[in-house]
């Protein structure tokens, strides 16, 4: 048995992923990170993956690569204390212009990967007897906007899958919860705004507009989502929570759209 706790985080090189890797490492966890892009390439050579962890560059949308990922995980550890399904792909375009290939690519990256990942991670999570799974969904699972249908559908499916997993895995003492971030200043958000699924002004103007839609009057930062993820993953903090959806959106979904 491992003395230190171990977490596997997908989408580890992105905005929320990086913040989550950093927070777990700061709290003494051994981190296994997975991403399609290099961890160093995302922010420059100055930032390195935690030395006692393992970074795997792979595409979780491909079942054969997912299998290879877990072969490497099994070589490192025989237990997992937590699994954070954070990786995501977003396509911002009208539904009628979305191709079958684009639709499938979003579903494979955002939804099928979680299904496959949980199947492969289950023995490692069960062996720990008190593990936590956190699925990073989105406020688009409950309220959405135009020209982002595939992403919204995948995140809504992930929310339903979270509840189903929580029920099925409860006998194995595995908790499964979801975090639903709102507007968070990440490369994915800025790329989506650049493509213009919200239309209109330049990226900064769109960010400012999103900030005005929140009760807090600003968009979030990745570390704020990381802390929510950590809370749900840590069995010492959230042991009585499972099958739940934690919305972290600065109050955006609390306000009537008619105001």
Protein backbone atom coordinates (compact mmCIF):
# COMPACT_ATOMS: atom_id res chain seq x y z
CA UNK A 1 0.00 0.00 0.00
CA UNK A 2 1.18 3.51 -0.81
CA UNK A 3 1.79 5.80 2.16
CA UNK A 4 1.14 8.93 0.14
CA UNK A 5 -2.11 9.53 -1.68
CA UNK A 6 -2.21 9.32 -5.47
CA UNK A 7 -4.46 11.15 -7.91
CA UNK A 8 -4.87 10.84 -11.67
CA UNK A 9 -5.82 14.08 -13.42
CA UNK A 10 -6.76 14.29 -17.11
CA UNK A 11 -6.43 17.54 -19.03
CA UNK A 12 -3.48 18.24 -16.76
CA UNK A 13 -1.77 20.76 -19.03
CA UNK A 14 -4.74 23.11 -19.42
CA UNK A 15 -5.75 26.04 -17.24
CA UNK A 16 -7.88 24.25 -14.64
CA UNK A 17 -5.78 21.09 -14.97
CA UNK A 18 -2.53 22.88 -14.15
CA UNK A 19 -4.03 24.57 -11.13
CA UNK A 20 -5.39 21.22 -9.94
CA UNK A 21 -2.04 19.46 -10.41
CA UNK A 22 -0.35 22.21 -8.41
CA UNK A 23 -2.88 22.12 -5.56
CA UNK A 24 -2.76 18.35 -5.11
CA UNK A 25 1.05 18.38 -5.22
CA UNK A 26 1.19 21.17 -2.65
CA UNK A 27 -0.92 19.01 -0.35
CA UNK A 28 1.46 16.08 -0.58
CA UNK A 29 -0.31 13.94 -3.18
CA UNK A 30 1.54 12.06 -5.88
CA UNK A 31 0.07 13.27 -9.16
CA UNK A 32 -0.33 11.36 -12.41
CA UNK A 33 -1.24 13.78 -15.18
CA UNK A 34 -2.53 13.07 -18.67
CA UNK A 35 -2.90 15.47 -21.60
CA UNK A 36 -2.67 15.53 -25.38
CA UNK A 37 -0.13 18.34 -25.24
CA UNK A 38 3.17 18.50 -23.43
CA UNK A 39 3.00 19.86 -19.89
CA UNK A 40 6.02 22.09 -20.46
CA UNK A 41 4.85 23.34 -23.85
CA UNK A 42 1.69 24.88 -22.43
CA UNK A 43 3.36 27.48 -20.19
CA UNK A 44 7.03 27.41 -21.11
CA UNK A 45 10.00 25.47 -19.82
CA UNK A 46 10.01 27.23 -16.44
CA UNK A 47 7.10 25.19 -15.10
CA UNK A 48 7.71 21.48 -14.61
CA UNK A 49 5.46 18.61 -13.63
CA UNK A 50 5.89 17.54 -9.97
CA UNK A 51 9.08 15.49 -9.64
CA UNK A 52 7.52 12.64 -7.67
CA UNK A 53 4.66 12.26 -10.16
CA UNK A 54 4.18 11.00 -13.69
CA UNK A 55 3.04 12.88 -16.76
CA UNK A 56 1.66 10.88 -19.69
CA UNK A 57 1.16 12.59 -23.03
CA UNK A 58 -1.76 10.80 -24.67
CA UNK A 59 -5.21 11.33 -26.18
CA UNK A 60 -7.93 9.98 -23.90
CA UNK A 61 -10.42 10.14 -26.76
CA UNK A 62 -8.68 7.09 -28.25
CA UNK A 63 -9.52 3.80 -26.45
CA UNK A 64 -6.17 2.23 -27.33
CA UNK A 65 -4.32 5.17 -25.80
CA UNK A 66 -6.51 5.02 -22.71
CA UNK A 67 -5.52 1.38 -22.29
CA UNK A 68 -1.85 2.32 -22.64
CA UNK A 69 -2.27 5.06 -20.04
CA UNK A 70 -3.53 2.63 -17.44
CA UNK A 71 -0.78 0.14 -18.18
CA UNK A 72 1.64 2.89 -17.14
CA UNK A 73 -0.49 3.75 -14.11
CA UNK A 74 -0.56 0.12 -12.98
CA UNK A 75 3.24 0.00 -13.29
CA UNK A 76 3.46 2.93 -10.86
CA UNK A 77 0.77 2.14 -8.31
CA UNK A 78 -1.77 -0.47 -7.32
CA UNK A 79 -4.20 2.06 -5.85
CA UNK A 80 -5.72 5.44 -6.66
CA UNK A 81 -7.15 7.73 -4.01
CA UNK A 82 -8.78 10.02 -6.55
CA UNK A 83 -9.54 10.40 -10.23
CA UNK A 84 -10.21 13.82 -11.74
CA UNK A 85 -11.81 13.71 -15.20
CA UNK A 86 -11.01 17.22 -16.35
CA UNK A 87 -10.00 16.92 -20.02
CA UNK A 88 -12.43 18.45 -22.49
CA UNK A 89 -12.84 19.46 -26.10
CA UNK A 90 -15.03 22.35 -27.15
CA UNK A 91 -16.38 23.10 -30.61
CA UNK A 92 -18.17 26.42 -30.97
CA UNK A 93 -20.38 26.53 -34.04
CA UNK A 94 -24.08 26.31 -34.96
CA UNK A 95 -25.60 22.88 -34.51
CA UNK A 96 -26.65 22.55 -38.14
CA UNK A 97 -23.08 23.32 -39.22
CA UNK A 98 -21.56 20.76 -36.84
CA UNK A 99 -20.35 17.69 -38.69
CA UNK A 100 -20.81 14.12 -37.48
CA UNK A 101 -17.03 13.90 -37.06
CA UNK A 102 -16.98 17.03 -34.89
CA UNK A 103 -19.91 15.82 -32.81
CA UNK A 104 -18.23 12.45 -32.25
CA UNK A 105 -14.90 14.06 -31.38
CA UNK A 106 -16.53 16.10 -28.60
CA UNK A 107 -18.45 13.12 -27.23
CA UNK A 108 -15.39 10.89 -27.36
CA UNK A 109 -13.18 13.39 -25.53
CA UNK A 110 -15.70 14.65 -22.97
CA UNK A 111 -17.98 11.68 -22.28
CA UNK A 112 -16.74 8.36 -23.63
CA UNK A 113 -13.31 8.96 -22.09
CA UNK A 114 -14.89 9.18 -18.64
CA UNK A 115 -16.81 5.93 -19.19
CA UNK A 116 -13.62 4.15 -20.30
CA UNK A 117 -11.46 5.79 -17.65
CA UNK A 118 -13.74 4.73 -14.81
CA UNK A 119 -13.83 1.14 -16.08
CA UNK A 120 -10.04 1.01 -16.17
CA UNK A 121 -9.54 2.93 -12.92
CA UNK A 122 -12.16 1.03 -10.95
CA UNK A 123 -9.87 -1.72 -9.56
CA UNK A 124 -7.34 0.89 -8.42
CA UNK A 125 -10.01 3.06 -6.80
CA UNK A 126 -11.73 0.10 -5.14
CA UNK A 127 -8.43 -1.09 -3.70
CA UNK A 128 -8.05 2.16 -1.77
CA UNK A 129 -11.40 1.70 0.08
CA UNK A 130 -12.48 5.31 0.25
CA UNK A 131 -11.66 6.93 -3.08
CA UNK A 132 -13.13 9.98 -4.78
CA UNK A 133 -13.93 10.68 -8.43
CA UNK A 134 -14.53 14.23 -9.66
CA UNK A 135 -15.98 14.82 -13.11
CA UNK A 136 -15.47 18.35 -14.38
CA UNK A 137 -18.73 19.16 -16.12
CA UNK A 138 -19.87 22.73 -16.86
CA UNK A 139 -22.70 25.16 -16.23
CA UNK A 140 -23.52 24.38 -19.86
CA UNK A 141 -24.95 21.13 -18.48
CA UNK A 142 -27.82 23.09 -16.91
CA UNK A 143 -27.93 26.40 -18.81
CA UNK A 144 -26.30 27.09 -22.12
CA UNK A 145 -25.98 29.45 -25.09
CA UNK A 146 -26.17 29.31 -28.84
CA UNK A 147 -23.56 27.65 -31.05
CA UNK A 148 -22.10 25.30 -28.46
CA UNK A 149 -24.58 22.41 -28.58
CA UNK A 150 -22.16 19.48 -28.81
CA UNK A 151 -20.19 20.69 -25.79
CA UNK A 152 -23.37 21.35 -23.78
CA UNK A 153 -24.76 17.91 -24.63
CA UNK A 154 -21.52 16.19 -23.59
CA UNK A 155 -21.41 18.05 -20.28
CA UNK A 156 -25.08 17.30 -19.60
CA UNK A 157 -24.38 13.65 -20.29
CA UNK A 158 -21.42 13.78 -17.93
CA UNK A 159 -23.67 15.12 -15.17
CA UNK A 160 -26.10 12.22 -15.65
CA UNK A 161 -23.21 9.77 -15.79
CA UNK A 162 -21.92 11.16 -12.49
CA UNK A 163 -25.17 10.25 -10.75
CA UNK A 164 -25.22 6.78 -12.31
CA UNK A 165 -21.62 6.11 -11.29
CA UNK A 166 -22.25 7.32 -7.76
CA UNK A 167 -25.04 4.77 -7.38
CA UNK A 168 -23.14 1.87 -8.95
CA UNK A 169 -19.85 2.47 -7.16
CA UNK A 170 -21.18 3.24 -3.68
CA UNK A 171 -20.85 -0.43 -2.59
CA UNK A 172 -17.14 -0.17 -3.45
CA UNK A 173 -16.78 2.94 -1.24
CA UNK A 174 -16.06 5.12 -4.27
CA UNK A 175 -17.68 8.55 -4.25
CA UNK A 176 -18.43 10.28 -7.56
CA UNK A 177 -19.26 13.99 -7.79
CA UNK A 178 -19.19 16.72 -10.43
CA UNK A 179 -17.93 20.28 -10.50
CA UNK A 180 -19.74 22.68 -12.84
CA UNK A 181 -17.48 25.66 -13.54
CA UNK A 182 -18.89 28.84 -14.98
CA UNK A 183 -16.78 31.35 -16.90
CA UNK A 184 -13.15 30.76 -15.90
CA UNK A 185 -10.25 32.59 -17.53
CA UNK A 186 -8.53 29.68 -19.26
CA UNK A 187 -7.03 29.15 -22.71
CA UNK A 188 -10.16 27.13 -23.62
CA UNK A 189 -12.48 30.00 -22.69
CA UNK A 190 -10.40 32.56 -24.57
CA UNK A 191 -10.21 30.29 -27.62
CA UNK A 192 -13.98 29.88 -27.56
CA UNK A 193 -14.49 33.62 -27.30
CA UNK A 194 -11.99 34.16 -30.11
CA UNK A 195 -14.08 31.84 -32.31
CA UNK A 196 -17.01 33.98 -31.30
CA UNK A 197 -19.73 31.62 -30.09
CA UNK A 198 -21.02 34.57 -28.05
CA UNK A 199 -20.69 36.91 -31.01
CA UNK A 200 -19.87 40.60 -31.16
CA UNK A 201 -16.88 42.31 -29.64
CA UNK A 202 -13.24 41.34 -29.18
CA UNK A 203 -12.14 38.76 -26.63
CA UNK A 204 -11.50 41.20 -23.77
CA UNK A 205 -14.88 42.84 -24.32
CA UNK A 206 -16.53 39.44 -24.22
CA UNK A 207 -14.68 38.57 -21.00
CA UNK A 208 -15.89 41.83 -19.49
CA UNK A 209 -19.43 41.02 -20.59
CA UNK A 210 -19.21 37.59 -18.94
CA UNK A 211 -17.95 39.22 -15.76
CA UNK A 212 -21.00 41.48 -15.65
CA UNK A 213 -23.27 38.41 -15.81
CA UNK A 214 -21.92 37.03 -12.53
CA UNK A 215 -23.03 38.14 -9.09
CA UNK A 216 -19.38 38.55 -8.13
CA UNK A 217 -18.78 40.82 -11.11
CA UNK A 218 -15.82 38.89 -12.50
CA UNK A 219 -14.86 35.67 -14.23
CA UNK A 220 -13.22 32.92 -12.20
CA UNK A 221 -9.60 31.87 -12.08
CA UNK A 222 -8.41 28.25 -12.42
CA UNK A 223 -7.25 27.90 -8.82
CA UNK A 224 -10.79 28.56 -7.59
CA UNK A 225 -12.05 25.55 -9.52
CA UNK A 226 -9.06 23.50 -8.37
CA UNK A 227 -10.04 24.05 -4.74
CA UNK A 228 -13.58 22.84 -5.44
CA UNK A 229 -12.17 19.76 -7.18
CA UNK A 230 -9.82 19.09 -4.27
CA UNK A 231 -12.63 19.34 -1.75
CA UNK A 232 -14.73 16.74 -3.58
CA UNK A 233 -11.77 14.43 -4.25
CA UNK A 234 -10.49 14.42 -0.69
CA UNK A 235 -12.27 11.75 1.34
CA UNK A 236 -11.21 13.53 4.51
CA UNK A 237 -13.27 16.60 3.58
CA UNK A 238 -16.30 15.38 1.63
CA UNK A 239 -16.85 11.79 2.74
CA UNK A 240 -20.65 12.17 2.88
CA UNK A 241 -20.99 13.68 -0.60
CA UNK A 242 -21.67 11.57 -3.67
CA UNK A 243 -23.75 11.95 -6.81
CA UNK A 244 -23.75 15.73 -6.40
CA UNK A 245 -23.15 18.68 -8.73
CA UNK A 246 -21.20 21.59 -7.26
CA UNK A 247 -21.72 24.77 -9.30
CA UNK A 248 -18.80 27.23 -9.14
CA UNK A 249 -19.82 30.15 -11.33
CA UNK A 250 -19.69 33.38 -9.33
CA UNK A 251 -23.45 33.24 -8.95
CA UNK A 252 -24.18 33.50 -12.68
CA UNK A 253 -26.86 30.79 -12.63
CA UNK A 254 -28.47 32.24 -9.50
CA UNK A 255 -29.65 35.39 -11.27
CA UNK A 256 -32.86 35.57 -13.30
CA UNK A 257 -32.10 35.93 -16.99
CA UNK A 258 -34.88 38.56 -17.20
CA UNK A 259 -33.03 40.98 -14.91
